[in-house]
N, C-alpha and C. Protein backbone atom coordinates (compact mmCIF):
# COMPACT_ATOMS: atom_id res chain seq x y z
N MET A 1 -35.38 -16.08 6.90
CA MET A 1 -34.61 -15.42 6.22
C MET A 1 -33.75 -15.55 6.56
N ASN A 2 -32.57 -15.18 5.43
CA ASN A 2 -31.17 -15.85 5.59
C ASN A 2 -30.23 -13.68 5.17
N LYS A 3 -30.04 -13.17 6.64
CA LYS A 3 -29.30 -12.40 6.39
C LYS A 3 -27.36 -11.79 6.55
N LYS A 4 -27.39 -11.42 5.30
CA LYS A 4 -25.64 -11.49 5.36
C LYS A 4 -25.21 -10.87 6.63
N ILE A 5 -24.32 -11.31 7.12
CA ILE A 5 -23.55 -10.12 8.68
C ILE A 5 -21.89 -9.91 7.59
N TYR A 6 -21.51 -9.27 7.24
CA TYR A 6 -20.94 -8.16 6.63
C TYR A 6 -19.35 -8.01 7.54
N TRP A 7 -18.60 -8.41 7.02
CA TRP A 7 -17.11 -8.35 8.15
C TRP A 7 -16.77 -6.96 6.86
N HIS A 8 -16.06 -5.69 7.57
CA HIS A 8 -16.07 -4.52 7.04
C HIS A 8 -13.69 -4.61 7.84
N LEU A 9 -12.55 -5.31 6.62
CA LEU A 9 -12.04 -5.29 7.03
C LEU A 9 -10.72 -4.34 7.87
N PRO A 10 -10.12 -3.62 8.70
CA PRO A 10 -9.35 -2.11 8.40
C PRO A 10 -7.52 -2.72 7.76
N GLY A 11 -7.20 -1.40 7.55
CA GLY A 11 -5.49 -1.98 6.95
C GLY A 11 -5.49 -2.79 5.62
N PHE A 12 -6.20 -2.04 4.79
CA PHE A 12 -5.57 -3.05 3.42
C PHE A 12 -4.49 -2.59 2.96
N CYS A 13 -3.52 -2.56 3.13
CA CYS A 13 -2.46 -1.91 3.26
C CYS A 13 -1.93 -2.75 4.05
N PHE A 14 -1.18 -2.13 4.96
CA PHE A 14 -0.54 -2.59 6.53
C PHE A 14 -1.33 -4.30 6.22
N PHE A 15 -1.99 -4.47 6.50
CA PHE A 15 -3.27 -6.11 6.92
C PHE A 15 -3.36 -6.86 5.45
N ARG A 16 -2.83 -6.68 5.06
CA ARG A 16 -3.40 -6.68 3.68
C ARG A 16 -3.20 -8.62 3.04
N SER A 17 -1.81 -9.13 3.55
CA SER A 17 -1.34 -10.12 3.89
C SER A 17 -3.04 -11.09 4.57
N LEU A 18 -2.97 -10.67 5.55
CA LEU A 18 -4.26 -11.61 6.36
C LEU A 18 -5.38 -11.02 6.10
N ASN A 19 -5.93 -9.63 5.31
CA ASN A 19 -6.83 -9.69 4.77
C ASN A 19 -7.44 -10.81 3.77
N LEU A 20 -5.67 -10.95 2.83
CA LEU A 20 -6.46 -11.72 1.88
C LEU A 20 -6.59 -13.36 2.47
N ILE A 21 -5.30 -13.42 3.47
CA ILE A 21 -6.08 -14.68 3.72
C ILE A 21 -7.09 -15.38 4.74
N THR A 22 -7.62 -14.01 4.81
CA THR A 22 -9.07 -14.32 5.37
C THR A 22 -10.26 -14.64 4.72
N ILE A 23 -10.23 -13.75 3.36
CA ILE A 23 -10.98 -13.68 2.29
C ILE A 23 -10.79 -15.24 1.63
N ASP A 24 -9.97 -15.85 1.79
CA ASP A 24 -9.65 -17.03 0.77
C ASP A 24 -9.89 -17.80 1.77
N LEU A 25 -9.82 -17.85 3.02
CA LEU A 25 -9.91 -19.04 3.79
C LEU A 25 -11.48 -19.31 4.45
N LEU A 26 -12.41 -17.55 4.04
CA LEU A 26 -14.15 -17.99 3.78
C LEU A 26 -14.29 -18.90 2.71
N LYS A 27 -13.40 -18.06 1.30
CA LYS A 27 -14.68 -19.07 0.31
C LYS A 27 -13.89 -20.59 0.07
N GLU A 28 -12.62 -21.07 0.62
CA GLU A 28 -12.25 -22.07 0.92
C GLU A 28 -12.76 -22.68 2.29
N PHE A 29 -12.99 -22.59 2.94
CA PHE A 29 -13.43 -23.20 4.13
C PHE A 29 -14.94 -22.87 4.78
N PRO A 30 -15.62 -22.52 3.81
CA PRO A 30 -16.83 -21.22 4.01
C PRO A 30 -17.61 -22.84 5.97
N GLU A 31 -17.69 -24.08 5.57
CA GLU A 31 -18.32 -24.43 7.17
C GLU A 31 -17.26 -24.57 8.41
N LYS A 32 -16.40 -23.71 7.95
CA LYS A 32 -15.70 -23.40 9.84
C LYS A 32 -16.05 -21.85 9.96
N PHE A 33 -16.74 -21.11 9.20
CA PHE A 33 -17.33 -19.94 9.53
C PHE A 33 -18.31 -19.77 9.72
N ARG A 34 -19.60 -18.78 10.88
CA ARG A 34 -20.65 -18.80 10.79
C ARG A 34 -21.85 -18.84 9.53
N ASP A 35 -22.69 -19.49 9.29
CA ASP A 35 -23.49 -18.98 7.69
C ASP A 35 -23.42 -17.84 8.29
N ASN A 36 -23.51 -17.26 6.05
CA ASN A 36 -23.89 -16.10 6.35
C ASN A 36 -22.70 -15.12 6.53
N TYR A 37 -21.87 -15.54 7.14
CA TYR A 37 -20.63 -14.58 7.27
C TYR A 37 -19.53 -13.61 5.71
N GLN A 38 -20.03 -12.70 5.79
CA GLN A 38 -18.88 -12.70 4.51
C GLN A 38 -18.64 -10.73 4.56
N VAL A 39 -17.42 -10.94 3.55
CA VAL A 39 -16.02 -9.82 3.70
C VAL A 39 -16.99 -9.08 3.37
N GLY A 40 -17.63 -7.82 3.72
CA GLY A 40 -18.05 -6.35 2.98
C GLY A 40 -17.17 -5.34 2.00
N SER A 41 -15.97 -5.11 2.84
CA SER A 41 -14.96 -4.57 2.32
C SER A 41 -13.77 -4.54 3.22
N VAL A 42 -12.67 -3.76 2.38
CA VAL A 42 -11.72 -3.74 3.35
C VAL A 42 -11.16 -2.22 3.39
N TYR A 43 -10.93 -1.34 4.43
CA TYR A 43 -10.61 0.36 5.15
C TYR A 43 -9.65 0.13 5.55
N GLY A 44 -8.92 1.64 5.05
CA GLY A 44 -7.72 2.03 5.91
C GLY A 44 -7.50 2.93 4.23
N THR A 45 -6.00 3.57 4.79
CA THR A 45 -5.36 4.75 3.53
C THR A 45 -3.25 3.67 3.01
N PHE A 46 -3.34 4.88 2.49
CA PHE A 46 -1.81 3.84 1.49
C PHE A 46 -1.37 5.46 2.14
N PRO A 47 0.27 4.82 2.94
CA PRO A 47 1.23 5.69 4.23
C PRO A 47 1.43 6.33 2.69
N GLY A 48 2.07 7.79 3.29
CA GLY A 48 2.10 8.92 2.75
C GLY A 48 0.76 10.28 2.42
N ALA A 49 -0.21 8.88 2.45
CA ALA A 49 -1.08 10.26 1.49
C ALA A 49 -1.47 10.68 2.69
N ILE A 50 -1.81 12.27 2.27
CA ILE A 50 -1.68 13.35 2.95
C ILE A 50 -3.37 13.87 3.31
N TRP A 51 -3.98 13.02 2.85
CA TRP A 51 -5.73 13.02 3.41
C TRP A 51 -5.46 11.90 4.72
N ASN A 52 -4.96 11.33 5.30
CA ASN A 52 -5.22 10.74 6.18
C ASN A 52 -4.36 11.21 7.57
N GLY A 53 -5.66 11.51 8.11
CA GLY A 53 -5.19 12.11 10.04
C GLY A 53 -5.29 11.78 10.59
N GLY A 54 -6.07 11.16 11.42
CA GLY A 54 -6.94 10.27 12.03
C GLY A 54 -5.66 8.77 12.72
N ARG A 55 -4.53 8.92 11.76
CA ARG A 55 -4.18 8.07 12.50
C ARG A 55 -2.30 8.07 11.37
N ALA A 56 -1.50 7.67 12.41
CA ALA A 56 0.01 8.16 11.70
C ALA A 56 0.14 6.86 11.18
N VAL A 57 -0.13 6.71 9.74
CA VAL A 57 0.90 5.93 8.74
C VAL A 57 1.98 6.26 7.79
N PHE A 58 3.32 6.17 8.48
CA PHE A 58 4.39 6.39 7.74
C PHE A 58 5.07 5.91 7.11
N GLY A 59 6.24 6.48 6.01
CA GLY A 59 6.41 5.57 5.28
C GLY A 59 5.73 6.28 3.82
N LEU A 60 6.07 5.58 2.54
CA LEU A 60 5.78 6.29 1.44
C LEU A 60 5.14 4.55 0.72
N ILE A 61 4.82 4.81 -0.41
CA ILE A 61 4.42 3.43 -1.14
C ILE A 61 4.62 4.15 -2.68
N PRO A 62 5.22 3.10 -3.63
CA PRO A 62 4.86 3.26 -4.71
C PRO A 62 3.09 2.74 -6.12
N LYS A 63 3.11 3.83 -6.92
CA LYS A 63 2.36 4.09 -7.12
C LYS A 63 2.03 2.32 -8.14
N HIS A 64 3.11 1.44 -7.92
CA HIS A 64 2.38 0.45 -8.48
C HIS A 64 1.96 -1.38 -7.84
N GLU A 65 2.25 -0.77 -6.40
CA GLU A 65 2.46 -0.99 -5.38
C GLU A 65 0.56 -0.94 -4.72
N ILE A 66 -0.03 0.16 -5.25
CA ILE A 66 -0.84 1.06 -4.49
C ILE A 66 -1.47 0.40 -5.60
N GLU A 67 -2.10 0.13 -7.16
CA GLU A 67 -2.43 -0.28 -7.95
C GLU A 67 -2.60 -2.04 -8.04
N ASN A 68 -1.98 -2.40 -7.55
CA ASN A 68 -1.48 -4.20 -7.55
C ASN A 68 -1.98 -3.88 -6.17
N THR A 69 -2.57 -3.37 -4.91
CA THR A 69 -3.06 -3.92 -3.46
C THR A 69 -4.63 -3.79 -4.14
N LEU A 70 -4.69 -2.83 -5.05
CA LEU A 70 -6.24 -2.52 -5.37
C LEU A 70 -6.66 -3.36 -6.12
N LYS A 71 -6.22 -3.23 -7.33
CA LYS A 71 -5.90 -4.86 -8.68
C LYS A 71 -6.65 -6.45 -7.50
N LEU A 72 -6.09 -6.43 -6.57
CA LEU A 72 -5.91 -7.88 -5.62
C LEU A 72 -7.63 -8.14 -5.13
N TYR A 73 -7.90 -6.91 -4.16
CA TYR A 73 -8.76 -6.91 -3.84
C TYR A 73 -10.08 -6.93 -4.50
N ASN A 74 -10.08 -5.75 -5.53
CA ASN A 74 -11.07 -6.22 -6.69
C ASN A 74 -11.58 -7.23 -7.29
N SER A 75 -10.34 -7.81 -7.77
CA SER A 75 -10.38 -9.37 -8.61
C SER A 75 -10.96 -10.05 -7.54
N GLU A 76 -11.44 -9.76 -6.18
CA GLU A 76 -11.68 -11.30 -5.37
C GLU A 76 -13.57 -10.38 -4.76
N GLY A 77 -13.48 -9.43 -5.63
CA GLY A 77 -14.53 -8.65 -5.15
C GLY A 77 -14.84 -7.66 -4.26
N ILE A 78 -14.39 -7.51 -3.43
CA ILE A 78 -14.37 -6.84 -2.09
C ILE A 78 -13.84 -5.77 -2.31
N PRO A 79 -14.85 -4.84 -2.56
CA PRO A 79 -14.91 -3.23 -2.44
C PRO A 79 -13.55 -2.24 -1.60
N VAL A 80 -12.92 -2.09 -1.96
CA VAL A 80 -11.94 -1.32 -0.79
C VAL A 80 -12.55 0.50 -0.43
N ARG A 81 -12.31 1.19 0.54
CA ARG A 81 -12.50 1.79 1.34
C ARG A 81 -11.90 2.56 1.99
N PHE A 82 -11.90 4.04 1.02
CA PHE A 82 -10.83 4.51 1.72
C PHE A 82 -10.46 5.38 3.01
N THR A 83 -10.48 5.81 3.87
CA THR A 83 -10.41 6.79 5.06
C THR A 83 -9.40 7.38 5.36
N TRP A 84 -10.08 8.56 4.43
CA TRP A 84 -9.77 10.02 5.03
C TRP A 84 -10.14 11.13 5.39
N THR A 85 -9.71 11.62 6.57
CA THR A 85 -9.62 12.45 7.89
C THR A 85 -8.87 13.31 8.51
N ASN A 86 -8.21 13.52 7.55
CA ASN A 86 -7.33 14.85 7.87
C ASN A 86 -8.43 15.95 7.62
N SER A 87 -8.53 16.26 8.98
CA SER A 87 -9.54 17.30 8.52
C SER A 87 -8.98 18.86 8.27
N LEU A 88 -7.74 19.32 8.14
CA LEU A 88 -6.90 19.98 8.22
C LEU A 88 -6.17 20.77 6.44
N LEU A 89 -6.96 20.19 5.92
CA LEU A 89 -6.59 19.46 4.33
C LEU A 89 -7.69 20.82 4.14
N GLU A 90 -6.95 21.66 2.60
CA GLU A 90 -7.08 23.11 2.35
C GLU A 90 -7.88 22.06 1.44
N GLU A 91 -8.54 23.91 0.24
CA GLU A 91 -8.99 23.04 -0.83
C GLU A 91 -7.87 23.06 -1.66
N LYS A 92 -6.67 23.50 -2.13
CA LYS A 92 -5.70 23.50 -2.37
C LYS A 92 -4.63 21.79 -2.89
N HIS A 93 -5.47 21.17 -1.77
CA HIS A 93 -5.36 19.82 -0.99
C HIS A 93 -5.50 18.63 -2.62
N LEU A 94 -7.25 18.99 -3.21
CA LEU A 94 -8.20 18.56 -2.84
C LEU A 94 -7.93 18.55 -4.65
C-alpha cells in the first residue's frame, strides 16, 4: 500500500519563494526525498488582512500581488488555505 505523506507549508505569502523552491525540488528531484512525500497545501494570510488575529502580520500587499501569489500556487496544483483566526471580528466584517 502506497500511502502519501502530505506536507502543509506555512507562510504562503512570506515564504512564497522558499515554498515554491520546495515544490519545484520535489518535482524535479523526487529521488532526494522519501517516497510518497507531497505538498498538500500552503497556508497563512496576507499582510493587512483584518481576519488574521493569531499572528502579527504587518504591512499591506497590493491586490495584484495577492492574485499573482494565488495563481502561482494554483498553477502548481497546490491548494491555498487561509488561516483566519481573529475572534474579535464582528458580523459587519464578514
